[in-house]
PDB file of all heavy atoms in Angstrom:
ATOM      1  N   ARG A   1      -4.651  -6.409  15.405  1.00  0.00           N
ATOM      2  CA  ARG A   1      -5.325  -6.604  16.689  1.00  0.00           C
ATOM      3  C   ARG A   1      -6.825  -6.319  16.564  1.00  0.00           C
ATOM      4  O   ARG A   1      -7.642  -6.950  17.239  1.00  0.00           O
ATOM      5  CB  ARG A   1      -4.702  -5.710  17.754  1.00  0.00           C
ATOM      6  CG  ARG A   1      -5.322  -5.854  19.148  1.00  0.00           C
ATOM      7  CD  ARG A   1      -5.210  -7.266  19.690  1.00  0.00           C
ATOM      8  NE  ARG A   1      -3.851  -7.694  19.799  1.00  0.00           N
ATOM      9  CZ  ARG A   1      -3.079  -7.464  20.851  1.00  0.00           C
ATOM     10  NH1 ARG A   1      -3.542  -6.802  21.871  1.00  0.00           N
ATOM     11  NH2 ARG A   1      -1.845  -7.918  20.878  1.00  0.00           N
ATOM     12  N   ALA A   2      -7.190  -5.393  15.697  1.00  0.00           N
ATOM     13  CA  ALA A   2      -8.606  -5.051  15.495  1.00  0.00           C
ATOM     14  C   ALA A   2      -9.316  -6.043  14.575  1.00  0.00           C
ATOM     15  O   ALA A   2     -10.522  -5.934  14.364  1.00  0.00           O
ATOM     16  CB  ALA A   2      -8.733  -3.639  14.929  1.00  0.00           C
ATOM     17  N   GLY A   3      -8.580  -7.007  14.025  1.00  0.00           N
ATOM     18  CA  GLY A   3      -9.210  -8.040  13.216  1.00  0.00           C
ATOM     19  C   GLY A   3      -9.082  -7.872  11.723  1.00  0.00           C
ATOM     20  O   GLY A   3      -9.701  -8.608  10.953  1.00  0.00           O
ATOM     21  N   PHE A   4      -8.253  -6.914  11.270  1.00  0.00           N
ATOM     22  CA  PHE A   4      -8.073  -6.683   9.849  1.00  0.00           C
ATOM     23  C   PHE A   4      -6.804  -7.371   9.348  1.00  0.00           C
ATOM     24  O   PHE A   4      -5.958  -7.787  10.133  1.00  0.00           O
ATOM     25  CB  PHE A   4      -8.008  -5.187   9.549  1.00  0.00           C
ATOM     26  CG  PHE A   4      -9.212  -4.433  10.031  1.00  0.00           C
ATOM     27  CD1 PHE A   4      -9.089  -3.378  10.926  1.00  0.00           C
ATOM     28  CD2 PHE A   4     -10.480  -4.788   9.598  1.00  0.00           C
ATOM     29  CE1 PHE A   4     -10.202  -2.690  11.374  1.00  0.00           C
ATOM     30  CE2 PHE A   4     -11.598  -4.103  10.042  1.00  0.00           C
ATOM     31  CZ  PHE A   4     -11.465  -3.055  10.932  1.00  0.00           C
ATOM     32  N   GLU A   5      -6.670  -7.463   8.034  1.00  0.00           N
ATOM     33  CA  GLU A   5      -5.480  -8.054   7.429  1.00  0.00           C
ATOM     34  C   GLU A   5      -4.621  -6.949   6.830  1.00  0.00           C
ATOM     35  O   GLU A   5      -4.947  -6.416   5.763  1.00  0.00           O
ATOM     36  CB  GLU A   5      -5.866  -9.055   6.337  1.00  0.00           C
ATOM     37  CG  GLU A   5      -4.656  -9.703   5.676  1.00  0.00           C
ATOM     38  CD  GLU A   5      -5.029 -10.627   4.539  1.00  0.00           C
ATOM     39  OE1 GLU A   5      -6.239 -10.815   4.300  1.00  0.00           O
ATOM     40  OE2 GLU A   5      -4.112 -11.144   3.878  1.00  0.00           O
ATOM     41  N   PRO A   6      -3.523  -6.580   7.479  1.00  0.00           N
ATOM     42  CA  PRO A   6      -2.668  -5.525   6.927  1.00  0.00           C
ATOM     43  C   PRO A   6      -1.709  -6.058   5.871  1.00  0.00           C
ATOM     44  O   PRO A   6      -1.205  -7.175   5.966  1.00  0.00           O
ATOM     45  CB  PRO A   6      -1.894  -5.027   8.155  1.00  0.00           C
ATOM     46  CG  PRO A   6      -1.838  -6.214   9.063  1.00  0.00           C
ATOM     47  CD  PRO A   6      -3.080  -7.018   8.813  1.00  0.00           C
ATOM     48  N   VAL A   7      -1.479  -5.245   4.844  1.00  0.00           N
ATOM     49  CA  VAL A   7      -0.482  -5.519   3.821  1.00  0.00           C
ATOM     50  C   VAL A   7       0.424  -4.299   3.757  1.00  0.00           C
ATOM     51  O   VAL A   7      -0.072  -3.164   3.703  1.00  0.00           O
ATOM     52  CB  VAL A   7      -1.130  -5.765   2.441  1.00  0.00           C
ATOM     53  CG1 VAL A   7      -0.066  -5.944   1.373  1.00  0.00           C
ATOM     54  CG2 VAL A   7      -2.051  -6.974   2.496  1.00  0.00           C
ATOM     55  N   LEU A   8       1.740  -4.493   3.769  1.00  0.00           N
ATOM     56  CA  LEU A   8       2.673  -3.379   3.859  1.00  0.00           C
ATOM     57  C   LEU A   8       3.418  -3.163   2.551  1.00  0.00           C
ATOM     58  O   LEU A   8       3.777  -4.113   1.859  1.00  0.00           O
ATOM     59  CB  LEU A   8       3.685  -3.617   4.985  1.00  0.00           C
ATOM     60  CG  LEU A   8       3.117  -3.909   6.379  1.00  0.00           C
ATOM     61  CD1 LEU A   8       4.245  -4.053   7.396  1.00  0.00           C
ATOM     62  CD2 LEU A   8       2.138  -2.831   6.806  1.00  0.00           C
ATOM     63  N   ALA A   9       3.644  -1.887   2.231  1.00  0.00           N
ATOM     64  CA  ALA A   9       4.469  -1.511   1.090  1.00  0.00           C
ATOM     65  C   ALA A   9       5.281  -0.288   1.472  1.00  0.00           C
ATOM     66  O   ALA A   9       4.749   0.645   2.079  1.00  0.00           O
ATOM     67  CB  ALA A   9       3.601  -1.223  -0.133  1.00  0.00           C
ATOM     68  N   ALA A  10       6.579  -0.284   1.097  1.00  0.00           N
ATOM     69  CA  ALA A  10       7.476   0.781   1.545  1.00  0.00           C
ATOM     70  C   ALA A  10       7.868   1.755   0.439  1.00  0.00           C
ATOM     71  O   ALA A  10       8.591   2.711   0.694  1.00  0.00           O
ATOM     72  CB  ALA A  10       8.737   0.172   2.162  1.00  0.00           C
ATOM     73  N   ASP A  11       7.411   1.516  -0.787  1.00  0.00           N
ATOM     74  CA  ASP A  11       7.702   2.449  -1.869  1.00  0.00           C
ATOM     75  C   ASP A  11       6.544   2.456  -2.851  1.00  0.00           C
ATOM     76  O   ASP A  11       5.666   1.589  -2.811  1.00  0.00           O
ATOM     77  CB  ASP A  11       9.015   2.099  -2.567  1.00  0.00           C
ATOM     78  CG  ASP A  11       8.969   0.740  -3.240  1.00  0.00           C
ATOM     79  OD1 ASP A  11       8.287   0.606  -4.271  1.00  0.00           O
ATOM     80  OD2 ASP A  11       9.612  -0.199  -2.732  1.00  0.00           O
ATOM     81  N   GLY A  12       6.543   3.419  -3.756  1.00  0.00           N
ATOM     82  CA  GLY A  12       5.418   3.597  -4.644  1.00  0.00           C
ATOM     83  C   GLY A  12       5.196   2.450  -5.615  1.00  0.00           C
ATOM     84  O   GLY A  12       4.059   2.036  -5.861  1.00  0.00           O
ATOM     85  N   LEU A  13       6.262   1.905  -6.179  1.00  0.00           N
ATOM     86  CA  LEU A  13       6.115   0.821  -7.150  1.00  0.00           C
ATOM     87  C   LEU A  13       5.589  -0.453  -6.489  1.00  0.00           C
ATOM     88  O   LEU A  13       4.713  -1.143  -7.036  1.00  0.00           O
ATOM     89  CB  LEU A  13       7.460   0.541  -7.833  1.00  0.00           C
ATOM     90  CG  LEU A  13       7.976   1.640  -8.762  1.00  0.00           C
ATOM     91  CD1 LEU A  13       9.325   1.249  -9.359  1.00  0.00           C
ATOM     92  CD2 LEU A  13       6.967   1.930  -9.868  1.00  0.00           C
ATOM     93  N   THR A  14       6.117  -0.775  -5.303  1.00  0.00           N
ATOM     94  CA  THR A  14       5.617  -1.937  -4.568  1.00  0.00           C
ATOM     95  C   THR A  14       4.153  -1.736  -4.186  1.00  0.00           C
ATOM     96  O   THR A  14       3.348  -2.669  -4.254  1.00  0.00           O
ATOM     97  CB  THR A  14       6.461  -2.173  -3.307  1.00  0.00           C
ATOM     98  OG1 THR A  14       7.833  -2.333  -3.671  1.00  0.00           O
ATOM     99  CG2 THR A  14       5.988  -3.414  -2.558  1.00  0.00           C
ATOM    100  N   ALA A  15       3.835  -0.507  -3.809  1.00  0.00           N
ATOM    101  CA  ALA A  15       2.445  -0.205  -3.438  1.00  0.00           C
ATOM    102  C   ALA A  15       1.512  -0.407  -4.615  1.00  0.00           C
ATOM    103  O   ALA A  15       0.419  -0.978  -4.474  1.00  0.00           O
ATOM    104  CB  ALA A  15       2.351   1.230  -2.927  1.00  0.00           C
ATOM    105  N   LEU A  16       1.918   0.059  -5.784  1.00  0.00           N
ATOM    106  CA  LEU A  16       1.080  -0.070  -6.976  1.00  0.00           C
ATOM    107  C   LEU A  16       0.825  -1.542  -7.302  1.00  0.00           C
ATOM    108  O   LEU A  16      -0.311  -1.948  -7.597  1.00  0.00           O
ATOM    109  CB  LEU A  16       1.754   0.625  -8.151  1.00  0.00           C
ATOM    110  CG  LEU A  16       0.926   0.807  -9.422  1.00  0.00           C
ATOM    111  CD1 LEU A  16      -0.315   1.635  -9.162  1.00  0.00           C
ATOM    112  CD2 LEU A  16       1.776   1.454 -10.504  1.00  0.00           C
ATOM    113  N   GLN A  17       1.877  -2.351  -7.199  1.00  0.00           N
ATOM    114  CA  GLN A  17       1.741  -3.777  -7.487  1.00  0.00           C
ATOM    115  C   GLN A  17       0.852  -4.458  -6.444  1.00  0.00           C
ATOM    116  O   GLN A  17      -0.035  -5.254  -6.790  1.00  0.00           O
ATOM    117  CB  GLN A  17       3.106  -4.446  -7.518  1.00  0.00           C
ATOM    118  CG  GLN A  17       3.059  -5.942  -7.835  1.00  0.00           C
ATOM    119  CD  GLN A  17       4.442  -6.565  -7.905  1.00  0.00           C
ATOM    120  OE1 GLN A  17       5.451  -5.884  -7.732  1.00  0.00           O
ATOM    121  NE2 GLN A  17       4.494  -7.860  -8.159  1.00  0.00           N
ATOM    122  N   ALA A  18       1.094  -4.166  -5.151  1.00  0.00           N
ATOM    123  CA  ALA A  18       0.295  -4.778  -4.084  1.00  0.00           C
ATOM    124  C   ALA A  18      -1.166  -4.367  -4.192  1.00  0.00           C
ATOM    125  O   ALA A  18      -2.081  -5.169  -3.956  1.00  0.00           O
ATOM    126  CB  ALA A  18       0.861  -4.389  -2.721  1.00  0.00           C
ATOM    127  N   TRP A  19      -1.400  -3.121  -4.546  1.00  0.00           N
ATOM    128  CA  TRP A  19      -2.767  -2.609  -4.696  1.00  0.00           C
ATOM    129  C   TRP A  19      -3.501  -3.361  -5.800  1.00  0.00           C
ATOM    130  O   TRP A  19      -4.661  -3.758  -5.654  1.00  0.00           O
ATOM    131  CB  TRP A  19      -2.707  -1.116  -4.994  1.00  0.00           C
ATOM    132  CG  TRP A  19      -3.981  -0.356  -4.785  1.00  0.00           C
ATOM    133  CD1 TRP A  19      -5.248  -0.841  -4.838  1.00  0.00           C
ATOM    134  CD2 TRP A  19      -4.100   1.043  -4.497  1.00  0.00           C
ATOM    135  NE1 TRP A  19      -6.162   0.160  -4.606  1.00  0.00           N
ATOM    136  CE2 TRP A  19      -5.473   1.317  -4.399  1.00  0.00           C
ATOM    137  CE3 TRP A  19      -3.178   2.072  -4.339  1.00  0.00           C
ATOM    138  CZ2 TRP A  19      -5.951   2.606  -4.141  1.00  0.00           C
ATOM    139  CZ3 TRP A  19      -3.652   3.346  -4.075  1.00  0.00           C
ATOM    140  CH2 TRP A  19      -5.014   3.613  -3.965  1.00  0.00           C
ATOM    141  N   ARG A  20      -2.814  -3.595  -6.914  1.00  0.00           N
ATOM    142  CA  ARG A  20      -3.438  -4.318  -8.034  1.00  0.00           C
ATOM    143  C   ARG A  20      -3.699  -5.776  -7.686  1.00  0.00           C
ATOM    144  O   ARG A  20      -4.728  -6.341  -8.047  1.00  0.00           O
ATOM    145  CB  ARG A  20      -2.528  -4.225  -9.258  1.00  0.00           C
ATOM    146  CG  ARG A  20      -2.532  -2.874  -9.949  1.00  0.00           C
ATOM    147  CD  ARG A  20      -1.473  -2.806 -11.018  1.00  0.00           C
ATOM    148  NE  ARG A  20      -1.548  -1.549 -11.792  1.00  0.00           N
ATOM    149  CZ  ARG A  20      -0.540  -1.018 -12.449  1.00  0.00           C
ATOM    150  NH1 ARG A  20       0.646  -1.615 -12.426  1.00  0.00           N
ATOM    151  NH2 ARG A  20      -0.698   0.102 -13.133  1.00  0.00           N
ATOM    152  N   GLU A  21      -2.749  -6.399  -6.980  1.00  0.00           N
ATOM    153  CA  GLU A  21      -2.852  -7.834  -6.723  1.00  0.00           C
ATOM    154  C   GLU A  21      -3.773  -8.159  -5.551  1.00  0.00           C
ATOM    155  O   GLU A  21      -4.540  -9.134  -5.610  1.00  0.00           O
ATOM    156  CB  GLU A  21      -1.458  -8.413  -6.454  1.00  0.00           C
ATOM    157  CG  GLU A  21      -0.545  -8.381  -7.674  1.00  0.00           C
ATOM    158  CD  GLU A  21       0.842  -8.889  -7.362  1.00  0.00           C
ATOM    159  OE1 GLU A  21       1.128  -9.160  -6.167  1.00  0.00           O
ATOM    160  OE2 GLU A  21       1.650  -9.026  -8.306  1.00  0.00           O
ATOM    161  N   ARG A  22      -3.719  -7.361  -4.492  1.00  0.00           N
ATOM    162  CA  ARG A  22      -4.462  -7.692  -3.277  1.00  0.00           C
ATOM    163  C   ARG A  22      -5.849  -7.070  -3.222  1.00  0.00           C
ATOM    164  O   ARG A  22      -6.673  -7.478  -2.422  1.00  0.00           O
ATOM    165  CB  ARG A  22      -3.656  -7.272  -2.042  1.00  0.00           C
ATOM    166  CG  ARG A  22      -2.311  -7.955  -1.908  1.00  0.00           C
ATOM    167  CD  ARG A  22      -2.460  -9.476  -1.800  1.00  0.00           C
ATOM    168  NE  ARG A  22      -3.222  -9.839  -0.620  1.00  0.00           N
ATOM    169  CZ  ARG A  22      -2.673 -10.042   0.584  1.00  0.00           C
ATOM    170  NH1 ARG A  22      -1.364  -9.927   0.733  1.00  0.00           N
ATOM    171  NH2 ARG A  22      -3.417 -10.373   1.603  1.00  0.00           N
ATOM    172  N   ARG A  23      -6.102  -6.068  -4.047  1.00  0.00           N
ATOM    173  CA  ARG A  23      -7.412  -5.405  -4.085  1.00  0.00           C
ATOM    174  C   ARG A  23      -7.881  -5.034  -2.669  1.00  0.00           C
ATOM    175  O   ARG A  23      -8.902  -5.496  -2.187  1.00  0.00           O
ATOM    176  CB  ARG A  23      -8.452  -6.301  -4.749  1.00  0.00           C
ATOM    177  CG  ARG A  23      -8.030  -6.851  -6.100  1.00  0.00           C
ATOM    178  CD  ARG A  23      -7.957  -5.798  -7.166  1.00  0.00           C
ATOM    179  NE  ARG A  23      -9.246  -5.225  -7.489  1.00  0.00           N
ATOM    180  CZ  ARG A  23      -9.453  -4.345  -8.459  1.00  0.00           C
ATOM    181  NH1 ARG A  23      -8.425  -3.929  -9.191  1.00  0.00           N
ATOM    182  NH2 ARG A  23     -10.654  -3.866  -8.689  1.00  0.00           N
ATOM    183  N   PRO A  24      -7.134  -4.188  -1.966  1.00  0.00           N
ATOM    184  CA  PRO A  24      -7.472  -3.846  -0.572  1.00  0.00           C
ATOM    185  C   PRO A  24      -8.788  -3.096  -0.473  1.00  0.00           C
ATOM    186  O   PRO A  24      -9.245  -2.459  -1.426  1.00  0.00           O
ATOM    187  CB  PRO A  24      -6.298  -2.955  -0.144  1.00  0.00           C
ATOM    188  CG  PRO A  24      -5.809  -2.357  -1.421  1.00  0.00           C
ATOM    189  CD  PRO A  24      -5.968  -3.434  -2.455  1.00  0.00           C
ATOM    190  N   ASP A  25      -9.384  -3.180   0.704  1.00  0.00           N
ATOM    191  CA  ASP A  25     -10.622  -2.448   0.980  1.00  0.00           C
ATOM    192  C   ASP A  25     -10.324  -1.011   1.381  1.00  0.00           C
ATOM    193  O   ASP A  25     -11.087  -0.098   1.070  1.00  0.00           O
ATOM    194  CB  ASP A  25     -11.397  -3.160   2.093  1.00  0.00           C
ATOM    195  CG  ASP A  25     -11.737  -4.584   1.714  1.00  0.00           C
ATOM    196  OD1 ASP A  25     -12.599  -4.768   0.839  1.00  0.00           O
ATOM    197  OD2 ASP A  25     -11.122  -5.513   2.278  1.00  0.00           O
ATOM    198  N   VAL A  26      -9.204  -0.823   2.097  1.00  0.00           N
ATOM    199  CA  VAL A  26      -8.765   0.508   2.509  1.00  0.00           C
ATOM    200  C   VAL A  26      -7.268   0.620   2.268  1.00  0.00           C
ATOM    201  O   VAL A  26      -6.526  -0.346   2.462  1.00  0.00           O
ATOM    202  CB  VAL A  26      -9.069   0.775   4.004  1.00  0.00           C
ATOM    203  CG1 VAL A  26      -8.580   2.169   4.417  1.00  0.00           C
ATOM    204  CG2 VAL A  26     -10.559   0.642   4.297  1.00  0.00           C
ATOM    205  N   VAL A  27      -6.836   1.800   1.842  1.00  0.00           N
ATOM    206  CA  VAL A  27      -5.409   2.066   1.650  1.00  0.00           C
ATOM    207  C   VAL A  27      -5.019   3.275   2.495  1.00  0.00           C
ATOM    208  O   VAL A  27      -5.657   4.333   2.403  1.00  0.00           O
ATOM    209  CB  VAL A  27      -5.075   2.354   0.176  1.00  0.00           C
ATOM    210  CG1 VAL A  27      -3.580   2.631   0.003  1.00  0.00           C
ATOM    211  CG2 VAL A  27      -5.513   1.195  -0.716  1.00  0.00           C
ATOM    212  N   ILE A  28      -4.007   3.108   3.340  1.00  0.00           N
ATOM    213  CA  ILE A  28      -3.405   4.232   4.070  1.00  0.00           C
ATOM    214  C   ILE A  28      -2.153   4.606   3.290  1.00  0.00           C
ATOM    215  O   ILE A  28      -1.183   3.835   3.232  1.00  0.00           O
ATOM    216  CB  ILE A  28      -3.069   3.844   5.515  1.00  0.00           C
ATOM    217  CG1 ILE A  28      -4.336   3.416   6.258  1.00  0.00           C
ATOM    218  CG2 ILE A  28      -2.399   5.010   6.237  1.00  0.00           C
ATOM    219  CD1 ILE A  28      -4.080   2.918   7.679  1.00  0.00           C
ATOM    220  N   LEU A  29      -2.159   5.773   2.665  1.00  0.00           N
ATOM    221  CA  LEU A  29      -1.183   6.095   1.621  1.00  0.00           C
ATOM    222  C   LEU A  29      -0.379   7.342   1.965  1.00  0.00           C
ATOM    223  O   LEU A  29      -0.908   8.454   1.973  1.00  0.00           O
ATOM    224  CB  LEU A  29      -1.930   6.293   0.299  1.00  0.00           C
ATOM    225  CG  LEU A  29      -1.113   6.615  -0.942  1.00  0.00           C
ATOM    226  CD1 LEU A  29      -0.184   5.454  -1.296  1.00  0.00           C
ATOM    227  CD2 LEU A  29      -2.045   6.929  -2.115  1.00  0.00           C
ATOM    228  N   ASP A  30       0.913   7.151   2.212  1.00  0.00           N
ATOM    229  CA  ASP A  30       1.802   8.295   2.439  1.00  0.00           C
ATOM    230  C   ASP A  30       2.054   9.006   1.110  1.00  0.00           C
ATOM    231  O   ASP A  30       2.151   8.369   0.055  1.00  0.00           O
ATOM    232  CB  ASP A  30       3.115   7.817   3.045  1.00  0.00           C
ATOM    233  CG  ASP A  30       3.947   8.963   3.594  1.00  0.00           C
ATOM    234  OD1 ASP A  30       3.419  10.094   3.675  1.00  0.00           O
ATOM    235  OD2 ASP A  30       5.112   8.740   3.947  1.00  0.00           O
ATOM    236  N   VAL A  31       2.171  10.321   1.165  1.00  0.00           N
ATOM    237  CA  VAL A  31       2.420  11.096  -0.053  1.00  0.00           C
ATOM    238  C   VAL A  31       3.881  10.967  -0.491  1.00  0.00           C
ATOM    239  O   VAL A  31       4.169  10.724  -1.662  1.00  0.00           O
ATOM    240  CB  VAL A  31       2.053  12.577   0.177  1.00  0.00           C
ATOM    241  CG1 VAL A  31       2.544  13.436  -0.987  1.00  0.00           C
ATOM    242  CG2 VAL A  31       0.543  12.736   0.339  1.00  0.00           C
ATOM    243  N   MET A  32       4.820  11.128   0.448  1.00  0.00           N
ATOM    244  CA  MET A  32       6.247  11.115   0.129  1.00  0.00           C
ATOM    245  C   MET A  32       6.770   9.680   0.204  1.00  0.00           C
ATOM    246  O   MET A  32       6.907   9.115   1.281  1.00  0.00           O
ATOM    247  CB  MET A  32       7.006  12.015   1.105  1.00  0.00           C
ATOM    248  CG  MET A  32       6.543  13.468   1.069  1.00  0.00           C
ATOM    249  SD  MET A  32       6.778  14.231  -0.565  1.00  0.00           S
ATOM    250  CE  MET A  32       8.576  14.203  -0.667  1.00  0.00           C
ATOM    251  N   LEU A  33       7.057   9.098  -0.968  1.00  0.00           N
ATOM    252  CA  LEU A  33       7.523   7.719  -1.046  1.00  0.00           C
ATOM    253  C   LEU A  33       8.703   7.615  -2.003  1.00  0.00           C
ATOM    254  O   LEU A  33       8.815   8.398  -2.948  1.00  0.00           O
ATOM    255  CB  LEU A  33       6.403   6.804  -1.561  1.00  0.00           C
ATOM    256  CG  LEU A  33       5.175   6.613  -0.683  1.00  0.00           C
ATOM    257  CD1 LEU A  33       4.094   5.893  -1.479  1.00  0.00           C
ATOM    258  CD2 LEU A  33       5.528   5.822   0.570  1.00  0.00           C
ATOM    259  N   PRO A  34       9.579   6.620  -1.804  1.00  0.00           N
ATOM    260  CA  PRO A  34      10.630   6.361  -2.793  1.00  0.00           C
ATOM    261  C   PRO A  34      10.030   5.819  -4.091  1.00  0.00           C
ATOM    262  O   PRO A  34       8.964   5.200  -4.091  1.00  0.00           O
ATOM    263  CB  PRO A  34      11.491   5.279  -2.104  1.00  0.00           C
ATOM    264  CG  PRO A  34      11.118   5.329  -0.660  1.00  0.00           C
ATOM    265  CD  PRO A  34       9.690   5.774  -0.613  1.00  0.00           C
ATOM    266  N   LEU A  35      10.700   6.056  -5.205  1.00  0.00           N
ATOM    267  CA  LEU A  35      10.414   5.492  -6.526  1.00  0.00           C
ATOM    268  C   LEU A  35       9.188   6.092  -7.211  1.00  0.00           C
ATOM    269  O   LEU A  35       9.203   6.341  -8.407  1.00  0.00           O
ATOM    270  CB  LEU A  35      10.262   3.967  -6.454  1.00  0.00           C
ATOM    271  CG  LEU A  35      11.452   3.203  -5.860  1.00  0.00           C
ATOM    272  CD1 LEU A  35      11.197   1.701  -5.898  1.00  0.00           C
ATOM    273  CD2 LEU A  35      12.740   3.536  -6.596  1.00  0.00           C
ATOM    274  N   MET A  36       8.115   6.299  -6.472  1.00  0.00           N
ATOM    275  CA  MET A  36       6.915   6.899  -7.044  1.00  0.00           C
ATOM    276  C   MET A  36       6.107   7.524  -5.919  1.00  0.00           C
ATOM    277  O   MET A  36       5.933   6.915  -4.861  1.00  0.00           O
ATOM    278  CB  MET A  36       6.063   5.850  -7.771  1.00  0.00           C
ATOM    279  CG  MET A  36       4.789   6.400  -8.413  1.00  0.00           C
ATOM    280  SD  MET A  36       3.736   5.086  -9.099  1.00  0.00           S
ATOM    281  CE  MET A  36       4.819   4.448 -10.382  1.00  0.00           C
ATOM    282  N   SER A  37       5.616   8.738  -6.109  1.00  0.00           N
ATOM    283  CA  SER A  37       4.882   9.412  -5.036  1.00  0.00           C
ATOM    284  C   SER A  37       3.548   8.725  -4.771  1.00  0.00           C
ATOM    285  O   SER A  37       2.974   8.069  -5.654  1.00  0.00           O
ATOM    286  CB  SER A  37       4.634  10.880  -5.402  1.00  0.00           C
ATOM    287  OG  SER A  37       3.592  10.984  -6.361  1.00  0.00           O
ATOM    288  N   GLY A  38       3.063   8.896  -3.560  1.00  0.00           N
ATOM    289  CA  GLY A  38       1.769   8.347  -3.217  1.00  0.00           C
ATOM    290  C   GLY A  38       0.651   8.904  -4.073  1.00  0.00           C
ATOM    291  O   GLY A  38      -0.296   8.191  -4.433  1.00  0.00           O
TER     292      GLY A  38
END
């Protein structure tokens, strides 16, 4: 709604892959995650 493009990841491994591929400008990162910690 604020005009940004959100990308979602629900576990550490998916987050790592999405981070590498999408090159986000900002990451909101939970510490406690399945598969790999934040």
